[in-house]
Amino acid sequence: MTIQTPVEANERVYPTPKVPAIAICLDGCEPEYLEVAIAKGLMPNLKRMRETGTDRLAHSVIPSFTNPNNLSIATGRPPIVHGICGNYLIDPDSGEEVMMNDVRFLRAPTIFSQFYDAGFRVAMVTAKDKLRALLGAGLKFDEGRAVAFSSERSGETTLAEHGIENASKWLGIGVPEVYSAELSEFVFAAGVKLLKEFKPDVMYLSTTDYIQHKFAPEQQGALDFYAMFDRYLGELDELGAAIVVTADHGMKPKHLADGSPAVIYVQDLMDKWLGKDAARVILPITDPYVVHHGALGSFATAYLPEGADQNDIITKLRATEGITHVLTKAEAIAQFELPGDRIGDIVMVSGENICIGTSEHRHDLAALKEPLRSHGGLTEQEVPFIVNRVIDLPNQPVLRNFDAFFYATTAAAQ
């Protein structure tokens, strides 16, 4: 179907794409990964795109975690609008700690649903299934114009729920192991085949950061990953799509010289200052996939007991080495554009090489086989933003990763 009018989505007018518009979210892609791989000659396609297209750095949203940023990219808006401010939260309705991967937590329509409603063909492939339902909100799969599935559950997809029957069989690739580079490679391979066969007008490809948690930019596992990605990127580019390559967040080493995790256990501090379990520290990085990060990141929020001296707690936290920012709820709403009903009384951010934990005994770090690398704070906010077309773009901090689809459709409309 040809649509002659642009799509109005989330206070922006998205141009009608003449060619497929694709946004690729490389989970955990610290810009250094690309610099190192390009310097070693492993990414000729991306190198060419940077030279003949448009190359910038952008800012992610804070917290620099997967769910908030993927949903910001999907809606074109910050968390204060779409409501997803972490992977994990205290549900204000029930008071229970729950995963924030249910569609009921989403407060804004996605760009995908609005393009779909305007008659366009829409496709998305995610690595992990935790994002698939949120990103696919509002799509209908019974009209043959929408496909949404994850690598993780690719062997279970149905026409009714995902727009495709058994995506693993369709692609001819077995369901990948969750903790593997192959989980992301499946996303890229599926994207190429969808572009050839399904011919979407708008497509989103979102990976997992297992490799980035595990390997530093100069290590072989990372180099192999980006060389692999570059091959698929070249195929997508050759098929004529307008492509934006960005990331949900960066990635930094968070460990001591001996390789052990560098952690500030804030729940233990709160217990000392206020009494055991009087305060509740929530780590929004928490999700079902903690093998590669142990639920340790550089952002946390805390709920204080009634009558607690908030100023005293803030003063003590600010004096704690490694914590760089301590904000009240009002300050966090204003500075980080967060939904106030889904964060605690205070928000904490730690520095480039240290994480925030709850209580030491609550973190099972036995599965960490390599020195910890993680994200969540301001030091992981800088991400790549590369377009395979010449286009007028601002620089950071004005340019945000959630501008990806606006500029992808702008490039696709040229």
Protein backbone atom coordinates (compact mmCIF):
# COMPACT_ATOMS: atom_id res chain seq x y z
CA MET A 1 0.00 0.00 0.00
CA THR A 2 1.29 3.45 -0.86
CA ILE A 3 0.64 6.20 1.67
CA GLN A 4 0.94 9.73 0.35
CA THR A 5 0.75 11.56 3.67
CA PRO A 6 3.39 11.62 6.41
CA VAL A 7 2.85 10.00 9.78
CA GLU A 8 2.33 12.17 12.85
CA ALA A 9 3.92 10.42 15.80
CA ASN A 10 4.73 11.72 19.23
CA GLU A 11 4.82 15.43 18.41
CA ARG A 12 6.84 14.92 15.22
CA VAL A 13 5.91 14.48 11.59
CA TYR A 14 7.73 11.45 10.23
CA PRO A 15 8.24 11.68 6.44
CA THR A 16 6.84 9.00 4.16
CA PRO A 17 9.76 6.69 3.31
CA LYS A 18 10.42 6.05 -0.38
CA VAL A 19 12.78 3.20 0.52
CA PRO A 20 12.82 1.01 3.65
CA ALA A 21 13.81 2.93 6.80
CA ILE A 22 15.82 0.81 9.24
CA ALA A 23 17.08 1.59 12.73
CA ILE A 24 19.62 -0.79 14.24
CA CYS A 25 20.20 -0.73 17.99
CA LEU A 26 23.56 -2.31 18.83
CA ASP A 27 23.05 -3.11 22.50
CA GLY A 28 25.94 -1.88 24.62
CA CYS A 29 27.87 -0.40 21.70
CA GLU A 30 30.39 1.85 23.37
CA PRO A 31 31.75 3.99 20.48
CA GLU A 32 35.25 2.59 21.10
CA TYR A 33 34.11 -0.82 19.80
CA LEU A 34 33.53 0.67 16.37
CA GLU A 35 36.72 2.72 16.42
CA VAL A 36 38.89 -0.29 17.24
CA ALA A 37 37.21 -2.63 14.76
CA ILE A 38 37.39 -0.06 11.95
CA ALA A 39 41.05 0.67 12.72
CA LYS A 40 41.78 -3.07 12.36
CA GLY A 41 40.07 -3.16 8.97
CA LEU A 42 37.20 -5.34 10.19
CA MET A 43 34.31 -3.02 9.34
CA PRO A 44 34.74 -1.78 5.75
CA ASN A 45 31.02 -1.22 5.26
CA LEU A 46 30.58 0.90 8.36
CA LYS A 47 33.78 2.77 7.55
CA ARG A 48 32.38 3.63 4.12
CA MET A 49 29.04 4.65 5.64
CA ARG A 50 30.79 7.01 8.03
CA GLU A 51 32.79 8.56 5.18
CA THR A 52 30.00 8.86 2.59
CA GLY A 53 27.02 9.24 4.93
CA THR A 54 26.70 11.04 8.25
CA ASP A 55 28.62 10.22 11.43
CA ARG A 56 27.73 11.65 14.84
CA LEU A 57 27.65 10.80 18.53
CA ALA A 58 24.34 10.97 20.39
CA HIS A 59 23.12 10.66 23.96
CA SER A 60 21.06 7.81 25.32
CA VAL A 61 18.42 8.32 28.00
CA ILE A 62 19.24 7.81 31.65
CA PRO A 63 19.28 5.24 33.10
CA SER A 64 21.45 3.94 30.28
CA PHE A 65 19.80 0.52 30.36
CA THR A 66 18.21 -1.63 27.68
CA ASN A 67 14.46 -1.24 28.22
CA PRO A 68 14.29 2.56 28.72
CA ASN A 69 16.38 3.20 25.63
CA ASN A 70 14.77 0.66 23.34
CA LEU A 71 11.37 2.06 24.21
CA SER A 72 12.63 5.60 23.72
CA ILE A 73 13.88 4.61 20.25
CA ALA A 74 10.55 2.87 19.59
CA THR A 75 8.44 5.86 20.66
CA GLY A 76 10.76 8.75 19.85
CA ARG A 77 10.25 10.09 23.37
CA PRO A 78 12.00 10.03 26.80
CA PRO A 79 10.90 7.78 29.70
CA ILE A 80 8.78 10.49 31.32
CA VAL A 81 6.46 10.10 28.31
CA HIS A 82 6.55 6.37 27.58
CA GLY A 83 6.88 5.27 31.21
CA ILE A 84 9.57 2.60 30.87
CA CYS A 85 12.37 3.75 33.19
CA GLY A 86 14.19 0.48 33.79
CA ASN A 87 14.03 -3.26 33.41
CA TYR A 88 12.73 -3.60 36.96
CA LEU A 89 10.70 -1.49 39.39
CA ILE A 90 8.43 -1.34 42.39
CA ASP A 91 4.95 -1.40 40.90
CA PRO A 92 3.25 1.68 42.42
CA ASP A 93 -0.12 -0.10 42.24
CA SER A 94 0.90 -3.23 44.14
CA GLY A 95 4.13 -2.29 45.94
CA GLU A 96 5.74 -5.45 44.54
CA GLU A 97 9.09 -5.62 42.78
CA VAL A 98 8.36 -6.71 39.19
CA MET A 99 9.84 -6.76 35.70
CA MET A 100 8.83 -3.78 33.58
CA ASN A 101 8.29 -5.81 30.42
CA ASP A 102 4.49 -5.94 30.42
CA VAL A 103 2.62 -3.80 27.88
CA ARG A 104 0.54 -2.35 30.73
CA PHE A 105 3.56 -0.27 31.75
CA LEU A 106 3.82 1.43 28.35
CA ARG A 107 2.24 4.90 28.29
CA ALA A 108 2.87 6.03 24.72
CA PRO A 109 2.20 4.51 21.32
CA THR A 110 5.17 3.25 19.38
CA ILE A 111 6.30 4.69 16.08
CA PHE A 112 5.74 1.20 14.66
CA SER A 113 2.07 1.11 15.62
CA GLN A 114 1.50 4.55 14.15
CA PHE A 115 3.14 3.66 10.86
CA TYR A 116 1.12 0.45 10.86
CA ASP A 117 -2.12 2.32 11.46
CA ALA A 118 -1.23 4.58 8.52
CA GLY A 119 -1.03 1.53 6.24
CA PHE A 120 2.70 0.83 6.20
CA ARG A 121 4.46 -2.51 6.51
CA VAL A 122 6.38 -2.86 9.79
CA ALA A 123 8.93 -5.43 10.99
CA MET A 124 11.07 -5.80 14.09
CA VAL A 125 13.40 -8.45 15.40
CA THR A 126 14.83 -8.38 18.91
CA ALA A 127 17.42 -10.65 20.48
CA LYS A 128 15.58 -11.18 23.76
CA ASP A 129 11.88 -11.77 24.10
CA LYS A 130 11.59 -9.36 27.05
CA LEU A 131 11.37 -6.48 24.56
CA ARG A 132 9.26 -8.06 21.85
CA ALA A 133 5.84 -7.56 23.47
CA LEU A 134 6.55 -3.93 24.41
CA LEU A 135 7.89 -3.04 20.98
CA GLY A 136 5.04 -4.86 19.25
CA ALA A 137 2.30 -3.12 21.23
CA GLY A 138 -0.55 -1.96 19.03
CA LEU A 139 0.35 -4.08 16.01
CA LYS A 140 -2.08 -6.49 14.37
CA PHE A 141 -0.71 -9.62 12.78
CA ASP A 142 -3.74 -10.83 10.87
CA GLU A 143 -3.42 -8.44 7.94
CA GLY A 144 0.03 -9.49 6.70
CA ARG A 145 1.65 -6.10 7.33
CA ALA A 146 3.44 -6.67 10.65
CA VAL A 147 6.15 -9.04 11.88
CA ALA A 148 7.61 -8.96 15.40
CA PHE A 149 9.62 -11.74 17.02
CA SER A 150 12.73 -12.46 19.06
CA SER A 151 15.73 -14.68 18.38
CA GLU A 152 15.27 -16.18 21.82
CA ARG A 153 11.80 -17.54 21.02
CA SER A 154 12.14 -17.83 17.25
CA GLY A 155 11.15 -21.49 17.25
CA GLU A 156 7.78 -20.69 18.86
CA THR A 157 6.46 -17.89 16.65
CA THR A 158 2.99 -18.00 15.13
CA LEU A 159 1.20 -16.02 12.45
CA ALA A 160 -1.42 -14.89 14.96
CA GLU A 161 1.00 -13.54 17.57
CA HIS A 162 4.14 -12.66 15.61
CA GLY A 163 3.15 -12.41 11.96
CA ILE A 164 5.38 -15.33 10.99
CA GLU A 165 5.20 -19.08 11.54
CA ASN A 166 8.28 -20.64 13.17
CA ALA A 167 10.81 -17.93 12.39
CA SER A 168 13.71 -20.26 13.15
CA LYS A 169 12.58 -22.72 10.47
CA TRP A 170 11.82 -19.86 8.06
CA LEU A 171 15.35 -18.51 8.47
CA GLY A 172 16.95 -21.94 8.42
CA ILE A 173 18.90 -21.26 11.61
CA GLY A 174 18.37 -23.05 14.92
CA VAL A 175 17.23 -21.14 17.98
CA PRO A 176 20.40 -19.58 19.41
CA GLU A 177 21.68 -19.87 22.97
CA VAL A 178 20.67 -16.77 24.96
CA TYR A 179 24.21 -16.09 26.16
CA SER A 180 25.88 -16.02 22.75
CA ALA A 181 26.86 -13.79 19.84
CA GLU A 182 24.61 -15.95 17.69
CA LEU A 183 21.53 -14.48 19.40
CA SER A 184 22.37 -11.12 17.80
CA GLU A 185 23.54 -12.64 14.52
CA PHE A 186 20.10 -14.22 14.18
CA VAL A 187 18.62 -10.69 14.37
CA PHE A 188 20.80 -9.45 11.52
CA ALA A 189 20.22 -12.52 9.34
CA ALA A 190 16.47 -12.24 9.88
CA GLY A 191 16.60 -8.53 9.03
CA VAL A 192 18.25 -9.21 5.69
CA LYS A 193 15.71 -11.91 4.77
CA LEU A 194 12.76 -9.78 5.90
CA LEU A 195 14.02 -6.89 3.79
CA LYS A 196 14.20 -9.16 0.74
CA GLU A 197 10.95 -11.06 1.25
CA PHE A 198 8.61 -9.10 3.52
CA LYS A 199 9.76 -5.71 2.21
CA PRO A 200 8.91 -3.59 5.27
CA ASP A 201 8.63 0.18 5.03
CA VAL A 202 9.96 0.51 8.59
CA MET A 203 12.15 -2.06 10.38
CA TYR A 204 13.84 -2.21 13.77
CA LEU A 205 16.66 -4.59 14.66
CA SER A 206 17.74 -4.76 18.31
CA THR A 207 20.54 -6.95 19.67
CA THR A 208 21.83 -8.16 23.03
CA ASP A 209 24.93 -6.86 24.84
CA TYR A 210 26.24 -10.24 25.96
CA ILE A 211 29.44 -9.75 23.94
CA GLN A 212 29.97 -6.17 25.18
CA HIS A 213 29.59 -7.25 28.81
CA LYS A 214 32.07 -10.05 28.22
CA PHE A 215 34.73 -8.49 25.98
CA ALA A 216 36.56 -5.18 25.86
CA PRO A 217 36.81 -3.47 22.44
CA GLU A 218 40.26 -4.86 21.60
CA GLN A 219 39.46 -8.45 22.60
CA GLN A 220 38.87 -11.10 19.95
CA GLY A 221 35.27 -11.84 20.90
CA ALA A 222 34.31 -8.22 20.33
CA LEU A 223 36.30 -7.96 17.11
CA ASP A 224 34.60 -11.07 15.74
CA PHE A 225 31.18 -9.69 16.65
CA TYR A 226 31.64 -6.38 14.86
CA ALA A 227 33.16 -8.01 11.80
CA MET A 228 30.09 -10.25 11.65
CA PHE A 229 27.74 -7.29 12.04
CA ASP A 230 29.53 -5.39 9.29
CA ARG A 231 28.86 -8.17 6.78
CA TYR A 232 25.11 -8.02 7.40
CA LEU A 233 25.19 -4.22 7.43
CA GLY A 234 26.70 -4.33 3.95
CA GLU A 235 23.86 -6.56 2.75
CA LEU A 236 21.19 -4.24 4.16
CA ASP A 237 22.92 -1.26 2.57
CA GLU A 238 23.16 -2.99 -0.83
CA LEU A 239 19.40 -3.62 -0.75
CA GLY A 240 18.83 0.13 -0.81
CA ALA A 241 17.55 0.81 2.71
CA ALA A 242 18.12 4.05 4.59
CA ILE A 243 19.87 2.92 7.79
CA VAL A 244 20.60 4.49 11.15
CA VAL A 245 23.03 2.61 13.39
CA THR A 246 22.87 3.60 17.05
CA ALA A 247 22.92 2.01 20.52
CA ASP A 248 20.88 1.90 23.68
CA HIS A 249 23.89 2.60 25.88
CA GLY A 250 27.66 2.31 26.10
CA MET A 251 29.72 -0.05 28.24
CA LYS A 252 32.55 0.53 30.70
CA PRO A 253 34.84 -1.66 32.85
CA LYS A 254 33.50 -1.83 36.41
CA HIS A 255 36.15 -3.84 38.18
CA LEU A 256 39.21 -3.57 40.38
CA ALA A 257 42.82 -4.22 39.36
CA ASP A 258 42.51 -7.86 40.43
CA GLY A 259 39.46 -8.34 38.19
CA SER A 260 36.90 -8.45 40.99
CA PRO A 261 33.76 -6.28 40.63
CA ALA A 262 33.97 -2.72 41.94
CA VAL A 263 30.71 -2.28 43.84
CA ILE A 264 29.11 0.07 46.35
CA TYR A 265 26.49 -1.96 48.23
CA VAL A 266 23.97 0.77 49.00
CA GLN A 267 21.35 -1.42 50.70
CA ASP A 268 24.02 -2.38 53.25
CA LEU A 269 24.74 1.33 53.80
CA MET A 270 21.04 2.11 54.21
CA ASP A 271 20.65 -0.75 56.68
CA LYS A 272 23.50 0.71 58.72
CA TRP A 273 22.08 4.23 58.65
CA LEU A 274 18.33 3.53 58.97
CA GLY A 275 17.95 -0.02 60.27
CA LYS A 276 17.71 -3.31 58.41
CA ASP A 277 15.35 -3.20 55.43
CA ALA A 278 13.90 0.15 56.48
CA ALA A 279 14.83 1.50 53.05
CA ARG A 280 14.41 -0.37 49.75
CA VAL A 281 17.10 -0.06 47.11
CA ILE A 282 16.01 -0.99 43.58
CA LEU A 283 18.43 -1.75 40.75
CA PRO A 284 16.59 -1.15 37.46
CA ILE A 285 19.23 -3.14 35.52
CA THR A 286 17.81 -6.32 37.05
CA ASP A 287 16.33 -8.72 34.51
CA PRO A 288 16.21 -12.50 33.96
CA TYR A 289 19.59 -12.41 32.17
CA VAL A 290 22.07 -11.56 34.93
CA VAL A 291 24.85 -14.04 34.10
CA HIS A 292 26.90 -11.37 32.34
CA HIS A 293 26.36 -8.48 34.77
CA GLY A 294 25.17 -9.89 38.10
CA ALA A 295 22.43 -7.21 38.29
CA LEU A 296 25.16 -4.60 38.81
CA GLY A 297 24.97 -1.26 37.02
CA SER A 298 25.63 2.41 37.65
CA PHE A 299 22.10 3.57 38.42
CA ALA A 300 19.85 2.89 41.41
CA THR A 301 16.82 4.32 43.15
CA ALA A 302 15.89 4.08 46.83
CA TYR A 303 12.63 4.30 48.74
CA LEU A 304 13.13 5.77 52.20
CA PRO A 305 11.00 5.02 55.25
CA GLU A 306 8.53 7.59 56.48
CA GLY A 307 10.23 10.09 58.75
CA ALA A 308 13.73 9.47 57.41
CA ASP A 309 15.96 12.53 57.12
CA GLN A 310 16.32 12.62 53.34
CA ASN A 311 18.87 15.44 53.38
CA ASP A 312 21.06 13.49 55.79
CA ILE A 313 20.94 10.37 53.61
CA ILE A 314 21.72 12.40 50.49
CA THR A 315 24.68 14.04 52.23
CA LYS A 316 26.06 10.65 53.28
CA LEU A 317 25.62 9.17 49.82
CA ARG A 318 27.30 12.13 48.16
CA ALA A 319 30.24 11.63 50.48
CA THR A 320 30.51 7.97 49.43
CA GLU A 321 33.44 7.43 47.08
CA GLY A 322 32.34 6.31 43.64
CA ILE A 323 28.84 7.82 43.74
CA THR A 324 28.84 10.84 41.43
CA HIS A 325 25.21 11.96 41.54
CA VAL A 326 22.51 11.81 44.22
CA LEU A 327 19.24 13.42 43.22
CA THR A 328 15.87 13.90 44.86
CA LYS A 329 12.85 12.57 42.99
CA ALA A 330 12.02 16.06 41.71
CA GLU A 331 15.60 16.58 40.52
CA ALA A 332 15.66 13.19 38.76
CA ILE A 333 12.38 13.94 37.00
CA ALA A 334 13.73 17.27 35.76
CA GLN A 335 17.29 16.21 34.89
CA PHE A 336 16.71 12.69 33.51
CA GLU A 337 13.10 13.00 32.31
CA LEU A 338 11.89 10.07 34.42
CA PRO A 339 8.31 9.18 35.43
CA GLY A 340 8.01 10.23 39.06
CA ASP A 341 5.65 7.45 40.13
CA ARG A 342 8.13 4.78 39.06
CA ILE A 343 11.25 5.94 40.87
CA GLY A 344 12.01 6.16 44.58
CA ASP A 345 12.65 9.10 46.85
CA ILE A 346 16.24 9.44 45.67
CA VAL A 347 18.21 8.42 42.58
CA MET A 348 21.91 7.51 42.59
CA VAL A 349 24.46 7.30 39.78
CA SER A 350 27.97 5.88 40.14
CA GLY A 351 31.13 6.66 38.20
CA GLU A 352 32.74 5.16 35.13
CA ASN A 353 34.48 2.25 36.83
CA ILE A 354 32.18 1.32 39.69
CA CYS A 355 28.69 -0.13 40.14
CA ILE A 356 25.88 0.12 42.67
CA GLY A 357 24.56 -3.01 44.35
CA THR A 358 21.96 -3.76 46.99
CA SER A 359 23.36 -6.03 49.73
CA GLU A 360 26.53 -7.98 49.09
CA HIS A 361 24.93 -11.33 49.95
CA ARG A 362 22.11 -10.78 47.43
CA HIS A 363 24.36 -10.68 44.36
CA ASP A 364 25.42 -14.05 43.01
CA LEU A 365 28.56 -13.21 41.06
CA ALA A 366 29.73 -16.78 40.61
CA ALA A 367 28.66 -16.76 36.95
CA LEU A 368 30.90 -13.80 36.12
CA LYS A 369 33.80 -15.44 34.31
CA GLU A 370 35.42 -12.21 33.14
CA PRO A 371 36.07 -8.85 34.84
CA LEU A 372 32.76 -6.98 35.12
CA ARG A 373 31.73 -4.58 32.36
CA SER A 374 28.43 -2.76 32.78
CA HIS A 375 26.43 0.44 32.25
CA GLY A 376 23.57 2.57 33.54
CA GLY A 377 25.15 5.90 34.33
CA LEU A 378 26.15 9.10 32.57
CA THR A 379 29.51 7.67 31.53
CA GLU A 380 27.67 5.16 29.32
CA GLN A 381 25.36 7.77 27.78
CA GLU A 382 27.44 8.49 24.67
CA VAL A 383 26.49 6.27 21.74
CA PRO A 384 27.15 6.17 17.98
CA PHE A 385 24.64 7.62 15.52
CA ILE A 386 25.57 6.77 11.93
CA VAL A 387 23.41 7.22 8.82
CA ASN A 388 24.20 5.68 5.43
CA ARG A 389 22.97 8.86 3.74
CA VAL A 390 24.14 12.47 3.86
CA ILE A 391 21.71 14.20 6.18
CA ASP A 392 21.76 17.30 8.37
CA LEU A 393 22.16 16.20 12.00
CA PRO A 394 22.87 18.07 15.23
CA ASN A 395 25.55 16.92 17.67
CA GLN A 396 25.16 15.55 21.18
CA PRO A 397 23.56 16.32 23.58
CA VAL A 398 20.87 17.68 21.26
CA LEU A 399 20.99 14.51 19.14
CA ARG A 400 19.48 11.59 21.03
CA ASN A 401 19.45 7.91 20.18
CA PHE A 402 15.65 8.06 20.17
CA ASP A 403 15.85 10.34 17.12
CA ALA A 404 16.79 7.24 15.12
CA PHE A 405 13.52 6.67 13.30
CA PHE A 406 12.89 10.33 12.61
CA TYR A 407 16.19 10.57 10.79
CA ALA A 408 15.89 7.12 9.22
CA THR A 409 12.55 8.08 7.67
CA THR A 410 13.93 11.50 6.75
CA ALA A 411 16.81 9.82 4.91
CA ALA A 412 14.42 7.29 3.36
CA ALA A 413 12.20 10.08 2.03
CA GLN A 414 15.00 11.85 0.13
